[in-house]
PDB file of all heavy atoms in Angstrom:
ATOM      1  N   PHE A   1       8.457   2.036 -24.794  1.00  0.00           N
ATOM      2  CA  PHE A   1       7.162   2.618 -25.124  1.00  0.00           C
ATOM      3  C   PHE A   1       6.190   2.433 -23.972  1.00  0.00           C
ATOM      4  O   PHE A   1       5.450   3.357 -23.604  1.00  0.00           O
ATOM      5  CB  PHE A   1       6.606   1.983 -26.411  1.00  0.00           C
ATOM      6  CG  PHE A   1       5.467   2.748 -26.975  1.00  0.00           C
ATOM      7  CD1 PHE A   1       5.678   3.832 -27.805  1.00  0.00           C
ATOM      8  CD2 PHE A   1       4.175   2.402 -26.648  1.00  0.00           C
ATOM      9  CE1 PHE A   1       4.614   4.560 -28.302  1.00  0.00           C
ATOM     10  CE2 PHE A   1       3.100   3.126 -27.134  1.00  0.00           C
ATOM     11  CZ  PHE A   1       3.327   4.205 -27.967  1.00  0.00           C
ATOM     12  N   MET A   2       6.201   1.258 -23.358  1.00  0.00           N
ATOM     13  CA  MET A   2       5.331   0.990 -22.208  1.00  0.00           C
ATOM     14  C   MET A   2       5.673   1.920 -21.058  1.00  0.00           C
ATOM     15  O   MET A   2       4.774   2.444 -20.394  1.00  0.00           O
ATOM     16  CB  MET A   2       5.455  -0.478 -21.795  1.00  0.00           C
ATOM     17  CG  MET A   2       4.540  -0.876 -20.667  1.00  0.00           C
ATOM     18  SD  MET A   2       2.804  -0.692 -21.123  1.00  0.00           S
ATOM     19  CE  MET A   2       2.114  -0.331 -19.523  1.00  0.00           C
ATOM     20  N   LEU A   3       6.950   2.142 -20.804  1.00  0.00           N
ATOM     21  CA  LEU A   3       7.345   3.060 -19.730  1.00  0.00           C
ATOM     22  C   LEU A   3       6.855   4.483 -20.007  1.00  0.00           C
ATOM     23  O   LEU A   3       6.434   5.191 -19.089  1.00  0.00           O
ATOM     24  CB  LEU A   3       8.860   3.039 -19.535  1.00  0.00           C
ATOM     25  CG  LEU A   3       9.414   1.780 -18.885  1.00  0.00           C
ATOM     26  CD1 LEU A   3      10.941   1.802 -18.915  1.00  0.00           C
ATOM     27  CD2 LEU A   3       8.907   1.643 -17.457  1.00  0.00           C
ATOM     28  N   GLY A   4       6.897   4.893 -21.265  1.00  0.00           N
ATOM     29  CA  GLY A   4       6.346   6.202 -21.629  1.00  0.00           C
ATOM     30  C   GLY A   4       4.856   6.275 -21.351  1.00  0.00           C
ATOM     31  O   GLY A   4       4.348   7.293 -20.858  1.00  0.00           O
ATOM     32  N   PHE A   5       4.160   5.197 -21.645  1.00  0.00           N
ATOM     33  CA  PHE A   5       2.724   5.127 -21.371  1.00  0.00           C
ATOM     34  C   PHE A   5       2.458   5.236 -19.877  1.00  0.00           C
ATOM     35  O   PHE A   5       1.548   5.958 -19.445  1.00  0.00           O
ATOM     36  CB  PHE A   5       2.153   3.832 -21.950  1.00  0.00           C
ATOM     37  CG  PHE A   5       0.700   3.595 -21.630  1.00  0.00           C
ATOM     38  CD1 PHE A   5      -0.257   4.569 -21.824  1.00  0.00           C
ATOM     39  CD2 PHE A   5       0.282   2.359 -21.159  1.00  0.00           C
ATOM     40  CE1 PHE A   5      -1.598   4.335 -21.549  1.00  0.00           C
ATOM     41  CE2 PHE A   5      -1.042   2.108 -20.879  1.00  0.00           C
ATOM     42  CZ  PHE A   5      -1.990   3.102 -21.075  1.00  0.00           C
ATOM     43  N   VAL A   6       3.244   4.546 -19.069  1.00  0.00           N
ATOM     44  CA  VAL A   6       3.075   4.611 -17.613  1.00  0.00           C
ATOM     45  C   VAL A   6       3.240   6.048 -17.139  1.00  0.00           C
ATOM     46  O   VAL A   6       2.485   6.520 -16.288  1.00  0.00           O
ATOM     47  CB  VAL A   6       4.054   3.652 -16.899  1.00  0.00           C
ATOM     48  CG1 VAL A   6       4.091   3.900 -15.406  1.00  0.00           C
ATOM     49  CG2 VAL A   6       3.679   2.208 -17.189  1.00  0.00           C
ATOM     50  N   GLY A   7       4.213   6.758 -17.695  1.00  0.00           N
ATOM     51  CA  GLY A   7       4.384   8.173 -17.355  1.00  0.00           C
ATOM     52  C   GLY A   7       3.165   8.996 -17.725  1.00  0.00           C
ATOM     53  O   GLY A   7       2.718   9.858 -16.968  1.00  0.00           O
ATOM     54  N   ASP A   8       2.597   8.704 -18.912  1.00  0.00           N
ATOM     55  CA  ASP A   8       1.385   9.415 -19.337  1.00  0.00           C
ATOM     56  C   ASP A   8       0.214   9.114 -18.406  1.00  0.00           C
ATOM     57  O   ASP A   8      -0.580  10.003 -18.091  1.00  0.00           O
ATOM     58  CB  ASP A   8       1.004   9.025 -20.771  1.00  0.00           C
ATOM     59  CG  ASP A   8       1.907   9.656 -21.812  1.00  0.00           C
ATOM     60  OD1 ASP A   8       2.604  10.639 -21.494  1.00  0.00           O
ATOM     61  OD2 ASP A   8       1.901   9.162 -22.961  1.00  0.00           O
ATOM     62  N   VAL A   9       0.099   7.868 -17.961  1.00  0.00           N
ATOM     63  CA  VAL A   9      -0.974   7.510 -17.034  1.00  0.00           C
ATOM     64  C   VAL A   9      -0.791   8.259 -15.713  1.00  0.00           C
ATOM     65  O   VAL A   9      -1.766   8.734 -15.120  1.00  0.00           O
ATOM     66  CB  VAL A   9      -1.048   5.979 -16.815  1.00  0.00           C
ATOM     67  CG1 VAL A   9      -1.991   5.626 -15.674  1.00  0.00           C
ATOM     68  CG2 VAL A   9      -1.493   5.291 -18.101  1.00  0.00           C
ATOM     69  N   GLY A  10       0.456   8.397 -15.254  1.00  0.00           N
ATOM     70  CA  GLY A  10       0.722   9.174 -14.046  1.00  0.00           C
ATOM     71  C   GLY A  10       0.302  10.624 -14.219  1.00  0.00           C
ATOM     72  O   GLY A  10      -0.318  11.218 -13.325  1.00  0.00           O
ATOM     73  N   ASP A  11       0.628  11.195 -15.376  1.00  0.00           N
ATOM     74  CA  ASP A  11       0.204  12.574 -15.661  1.00  0.00           C
ATOM     75  C   ASP A  11      -1.312  12.675 -15.694  1.00  0.00           C
ATOM     76  O   ASP A  11      -1.901  13.628 -15.166  1.00  0.00           O
ATOM     77  CB  ASP A  11       0.776  13.048 -17.000  1.00  0.00           C
ATOM     78  CG  ASP A  11       2.288  13.211 -16.984  1.00  0.00           C
ATOM     79  OD1 ASP A  11       2.883  13.305 -15.881  1.00  0.00           O
ATOM     80  OD2 ASP A  11       2.875  13.230 -18.084  1.00  0.00           O
ATOM     81  N   LEU A  12      -1.958  11.680 -16.294  1.00  0.00           N
ATOM     82  CA  LEU A  12      -3.418  11.660 -16.351  1.00  0.00           C
ATOM     83  C   LEU A  12      -4.013  11.590 -14.951  1.00  0.00           C
ATOM     84  O   LEU A  12      -4.984  12.294 -14.646  1.00  0.00           O
ATOM     85  CB  LEU A  12      -3.901  10.482 -17.199  1.00  0.00           C
ATOM     86  CG  LEU A  12      -5.408  10.298 -17.300  1.00  0.00           C
ATOM     87  CD1 LEU A  12      -6.084  11.524 -17.910  1.00  0.00           C
ATOM     88  CD2 LEU A  12      -5.726   9.038 -18.110  1.00  0.00           C
ATOM     89  N   ALA A  13      -3.425  10.780 -14.085  1.00  0.00           N
ATOM     90  CA  ALA A  13      -3.924  10.654 -12.713  1.00  0.00           C
ATOM     91  C   ALA A  13      -3.888  12.007 -12.003  1.00  0.00           C
ATOM     92  O   ALA A  13      -4.844  12.383 -11.308  1.00  0.00           O
ATOM     93  CB  ALA A  13      -3.108   9.620 -11.937  1.00  0.00           C
ATOM     94  N   LYS A  14      -2.821  12.749 -12.176  1.00  0.00           N
ATOM     95  CA  LYS A  14      -2.715  14.072 -11.554  1.00  0.00           C
ATOM     96  C   LYS A  14      -3.771  15.020 -12.100  1.00  0.00           C
ATOM     97  O   LYS A  14      -4.376  15.799 -11.350  1.00  0.00           O
ATOM     98  CB  LYS A  14      -1.323  14.646 -11.785  1.00  0.00           C
ATOM     99  CG  LYS A  14      -0.234  13.893 -11.062  1.00  0.00           C
ATOM    100  CD  LYS A  14       1.135  14.410 -11.476  1.00  0.00           C
ATOM    101  CE  LYS A  14       2.217  13.500 -10.941  1.00  0.00           C
ATOM    102  NZ  LYS A  14       3.535  13.849 -11.478  1.00  0.00           N
ATOM    103  N   LEU A  15      -4.006  14.961 -13.403  1.00  0.00           N
ATOM    104  CA  LEU A  15      -4.998  15.842 -14.013  1.00  0.00           C
ATOM    105  C   LEU A  15      -6.418  15.482 -13.591  1.00  0.00           C
ATOM    106  O   LEU A  15      -7.259  16.363 -13.406  1.00  0.00           O
ATOM    107  CB  LEU A  15      -4.855  15.817 -15.535  1.00  0.00           C
ATOM    108  CG  LEU A  15      -3.567  16.464 -16.049  1.00  0.00           C
ATOM    109  CD1 LEU A  15      -3.330  16.096 -17.510  1.00  0.00           C
ATOM    110  CD2 LEU A  15      -3.602  17.971 -15.855  1.00  0.00           C
ATOM    111  N   VAL A  16      -6.686  14.195 -13.433  1.00  0.00           N
ATOM    112  CA  VAL A  16      -8.007  13.762 -12.943  1.00  0.00           C
ATOM    113  C   VAL A  16      -8.205  14.263 -11.517  1.00  0.00           C
ATOM    114  O   VAL A  16      -9.278  14.768 -11.169  1.00  0.00           O
ATOM    115  CB  VAL A  16      -8.149  12.227 -13.047  1.00  0.00           C
ATOM    116  CG1 VAL A  16      -9.340  11.724 -12.242  1.00  0.00           C
ATOM    117  CG2 VAL A  16      -8.278  11.802 -14.508  1.00  0.00           C
ATOM    118  N   MET A  17      -7.168  14.130 -10.690  1.00  0.00           N
ATOM    119  CA  MET A  17      -7.262  14.636  -9.319  1.00  0.00           C
ATOM    120  C   MET A  17      -7.512  16.144  -9.318  1.00  0.00           C
ATOM    121  O   MET A  17      -8.316  16.647  -8.524  1.00  0.00           O
ATOM    122  CB  MET A  17      -5.985  14.301  -8.543  1.00  0.00           C
ATOM    123  CG  MET A  17      -5.825  12.822  -8.243  1.00  0.00           C
ATOM    124  SD  MET A  17      -4.257  12.451  -7.446  1.00  0.00           S
ATOM    125  CE  MET A  17      -4.529  13.212  -5.835  1.00  0.00           C
ATOM    126  N   ALA A  18      -6.841  16.860 -10.216  1.00  0.00           N
ATOM    127  CA  ALA A  18      -7.039  18.308 -10.308  1.00  0.00           C
ATOM    128  C   ALA A  18      -8.453  18.632 -10.756  1.00  0.00           C
ATOM    129  O   ALA A  18      -9.090  19.547 -10.221  1.00  0.00           O
ATOM    130  CB  ALA A  18      -6.014  18.914 -11.266  1.00  0.00           C
ATOM    131  N   GLU A  19      -8.952  17.872 -11.719  1.00  0.00           N
ATOM    132  CA  GLU A  19     -10.321  18.092 -12.209  1.00  0.00           C
ATOM    133  C   GLU A  19     -11.338  17.896 -11.088  1.00  0.00           C
ATOM    134  O   GLU A  19     -12.372  18.555 -11.045  1.00  0.00           O
ATOM    135  CB  GLU A  19     -10.602  17.133 -13.370  1.00  0.00           C
ATOM    136  CG  GLU A  19     -11.900  17.361 -14.076  1.00  0.00           C
ATOM    137  CD  GLU A  19     -11.922  18.570 -14.996  1.00  0.00           C
ATOM    138  OE1 GLU A  19     -10.872  19.164 -15.281  1.00  0.00           O
ATOM    139  OE2 GLU A  19     -13.033  18.935 -15.416  1.00  0.00           O
ATOM    140  N   ASP A  20     -11.030  16.990 -10.146  1.00  0.00           N
ATOM    141  CA  ASP A  20     -11.917  16.727  -9.012  1.00  0.00           C
ATOM    142  C   ASP A  20     -11.610  17.598  -7.798  1.00  0.00           C
ATOM    143  O   ASP A  20     -12.187  17.395  -6.729  1.00  0.00           O
ATOM    144  CB  ASP A  20     -11.837  15.242  -8.628  1.00  0.00           C
ATOM    145  CG  ASP A  20     -12.507  14.350  -9.664  1.00  0.00           C
ATOM    146  OD1 ASP A  20     -13.308  14.862 -10.463  1.00  0.00           O
ATOM    147  OD2 ASP A  20     -12.218  13.136  -9.672  1.00  0.00           O
ATOM    148  N   GLY A  21     -10.672  18.529  -7.948  1.00  0.00           N
ATOM    149  CA  GLY A  21     -10.385  19.487  -6.884  1.00  0.00           C
ATOM    150  C   GLY A  21      -9.383  19.023  -5.845  1.00  0.00           C
ATOM    151  O   GLY A  21      -9.178  19.708  -4.842  1.00  0.00           O
ATOM    152  N   ALA A  22      -8.722  17.892  -6.064  1.00  0.00           N
ATOM    153  CA  ALA A  22      -7.773  17.373  -5.082  1.00  0.00           C
ATOM    154  C   ALA A  22      -6.354  17.891  -5.305  1.00  0.00           C
ATOM    155  O   ALA A  22      -5.488  17.684  -4.461  1.00  0.00           O
ATOM    156  CB  ALA A  22      -7.761  15.845  -5.111  1.00  0.00           C
ATOM    157  N   ARG A  23      -6.116  18.531  -6.429  1.00  0.00           N
ATOM    158  CA  ARG A  23      -4.804  19.101  -6.758  1.00  0.00           C
ATOM    159  C   ARG A  23      -5.021  20.407  -7.502  1.00  0.00           C
ATOM    160  O   ARG A  23      -6.090  20.641  -8.050  1.00  0.00           O
ATOM    161  CB  ARG A  23      -3.998  18.169  -7.681  1.00  0.00           C
ATOM    162  CG  ARG A  23      -3.598  16.854  -7.085  1.00  0.00           C
ATOM    163  CD  ARG A  23      -2.840  16.022  -8.112  1.00  0.00           C
ATOM    164  NE  ARG A  23      -1.591  16.635  -8.498  1.00  0.00           N
ATOM    165  CZ  ARG A  23      -0.387  16.230  -8.118  1.00  0.00           C
ATOM    166  NH1 ARG A  23      -0.276  15.182  -7.340  1.00  0.00           N
ATOM    167  NH2 ARG A  23       0.703  16.833  -8.518  1.00  0.00           N
ATOM    168  N   GLU A  24      -3.969  21.205  -7.552  1.00  0.00           N
ATOM    169  CA  GLU A  24      -4.018  22.428  -8.358  1.00  0.00           C
ATOM    170  C   GLU A  24      -4.029  22.028  -9.827  1.00  0.00           C
ATOM    171  O   GLU A  24      -3.304  21.144 -10.248  1.00  0.00           O
ATOM    172  CB  GLU A  24      -2.799  23.303  -8.065  1.00  0.00           C
ATOM    173  CG  GLU A  24      -2.857  24.633  -8.754  1.00  0.00           C
ATOM    174  CD  GLU A  24      -1.679  25.526  -8.391  1.00  0.00           C
ATOM    175  OE1 GLU A  24      -0.856  25.126  -7.555  1.00  0.00           O
ATOM    176  OE2 GLU A  24      -1.601  26.617  -8.962  1.00  0.00           O
ATOM    177  N   ASN A  25      -4.877  22.688 -10.590  1.00  0.00           N
ATOM    178  CA  ASN A  25      -5.027  22.341 -12.003  1.00  0.00           C
ATOM    179  C   ASN A  25      -4.366  23.414 -12.859  1.00  0.00           C
ATOM    180  O   ASN A  25      -5.003  24.372 -13.267  1.00  0.00           O
ATOM    181  CB  ASN A  25      -6.504  22.193 -12.362  1.00  0.00           C
ATOM    182  CG  ASN A  25      -6.705  21.532 -13.701  1.00  0.00           C
ATOM    183  OD1 ASN A  25      -5.769  21.335 -14.464  1.00  0.00           O
ATOM    184  ND2 ASN A  25      -7.942  21.174 -13.988  1.00  0.00           N
ATOM    185  N   LEU A  26      -3.086  23.223 -13.148  1.00  0.00           N
ATOM    186  CA  LEU A  26      -2.342  24.218 -13.919  1.00  0.00           C
ATOM    187  C   LEU A  26      -2.669  24.162 -15.409  1.00  0.00           C
ATOM    188  O   LEU A  26      -2.624  25.177 -16.082  1.00  0.00           O
ATOM    189  CB  LEU A  26      -0.836  24.030 -13.696  1.00  0.00           C
ATOM    190  CG  LEU A  26      -0.367  24.187 -12.252  1.00  0.00           C
ATOM    191  CD1 LEU A  26       1.121  23.881 -12.136  1.00  0.00           C
ATOM    192  CD2 LEU A  26      -0.661  25.585 -11.743  1.00  0.00           C
ATOM    193  N   GLY A  27      -2.983  22.989 -15.912  1.00  0.00           N
ATOM    194  CA  GLY A  27      -3.231  22.854 -17.344  1.00  0.00           C
ATOM    195  C   GLY A  27      -4.682  22.992 -17.742  1.00  0.00           C
ATOM    196  O   GLY A  27      -4.999  23.104 -18.918  1.00  0.00           O
ATOM    197  N   GLY A  28      -5.570  22.934 -16.767  1.00  0.00           N
ATOM    198  CA  GLY A  28      -6.989  23.049 -17.053  1.00  0.00           C
ATOM    199  C   GLY A  28      -7.540  21.867 -17.825  1.00  0.00           C
ATOM    200  O   GLY A  28      -6.909  20.828 -17.972  1.00  0.00           O
ATOM    201  N   ARG A  29      -8.725  22.038 -18.309  1.00  0.00           N
ATOM    202  CA  ARG A  29      -9.450  20.994 -19.038  1.00  0.00           C
ATOM    203  C   ARG A  29      -8.688  20.548 -20.288  1.00  0.00           C
ATOM    204  O   ARG A  29      -8.685  19.368 -20.639  1.00  0.00           O
ATOM    205  CB  ARG A  29     -10.841  21.532 -19.404  1.00  0.00           C
ATOM    206  CG  ARG A  29     -11.721  20.576 -20.116  1.00  0.00           C
ATOM    207  CD  ARG A  29     -12.264  19.577 -19.172  1.00  0.00           C
ATOM    208  NE  ARG A  29     -13.162  18.673 -19.853  1.00  0.00           N
ATOM    209  CZ  ARG A  29     -13.912  17.820 -19.230  1.00  0.00           C
ATOM    210  NH1 ARG A  29     -13.909  17.765 -17.927  1.00  0.00           N
ATOM    211  NH2 ARG A  29     -14.685  17.012 -19.898  1.00  0.00           N
ATOM    212  N   ALA A  30      -8.035  21.494 -20.958  1.00  0.00           N
ATOM    213  CA  ALA A  30      -7.292  21.159 -22.181  1.00  0.00           C
ATOM    214  C   ALA A  30      -6.186  20.149 -21.895  1.00  0.00           C
ATOM    215  O   ALA A  30      -5.945  19.239 -22.698  1.00  0.00           O
ATOM    216  CB  ALA A  30      -6.714  22.419 -22.814  1.00  0.00           C
ATOM    217  N   ALA A  31      -5.523  20.265 -20.757  1.00  0.00           N
ATOM    218  CA  ALA A  31      -4.456  19.320 -20.394  1.00  0.00           C
ATOM    219  C   ALA A  31      -5.034  17.931 -20.146  1.00  0.00           C
ATOM    220  O   ALA A  31      -4.442  16.923 -20.553  1.00  0.00           O
ATOM    221  CB  ALA A  31      -3.702  19.819 -19.166  1.00  0.00           C
ATOM    222  N   LEU A  32      -6.197  17.857 -19.488  1.00  0.00           N
ATOM    223  CA  LEU A  32      -6.861  16.572 -19.252  1.00  0.00           C
ATOM    224  C   LEU A  32      -7.228  15.918 -20.578  1.00  0.00           C
ATOM    225  O   LEU A  32      -6.965  14.727 -20.802  1.00  0.00           O
ATOM    226  CB  LEU A  32      -8.113  16.766 -18.385  1.00  0.00           C
ATOM    227  CG  LEU A  32      -8.981  15.535 -18.167  1.00  0.00           C
ATOM    228  CD1 LEU A  32      -8.237  14.490 -17.340  1.00  0.00           C
ATOM    229  CD2 LEU A  32     -10.289  15.923 -17.488  1.00  0.00           C
TER     230      LEU A  32
END
């Protein structure tokens, strides 16, 4: 379960970067 959480945190990090313009944001605000 903890490993799954770590994966989710990694996904969140990518979405935060996208929200700040550092990555392409494929999922948009809804994904964040």
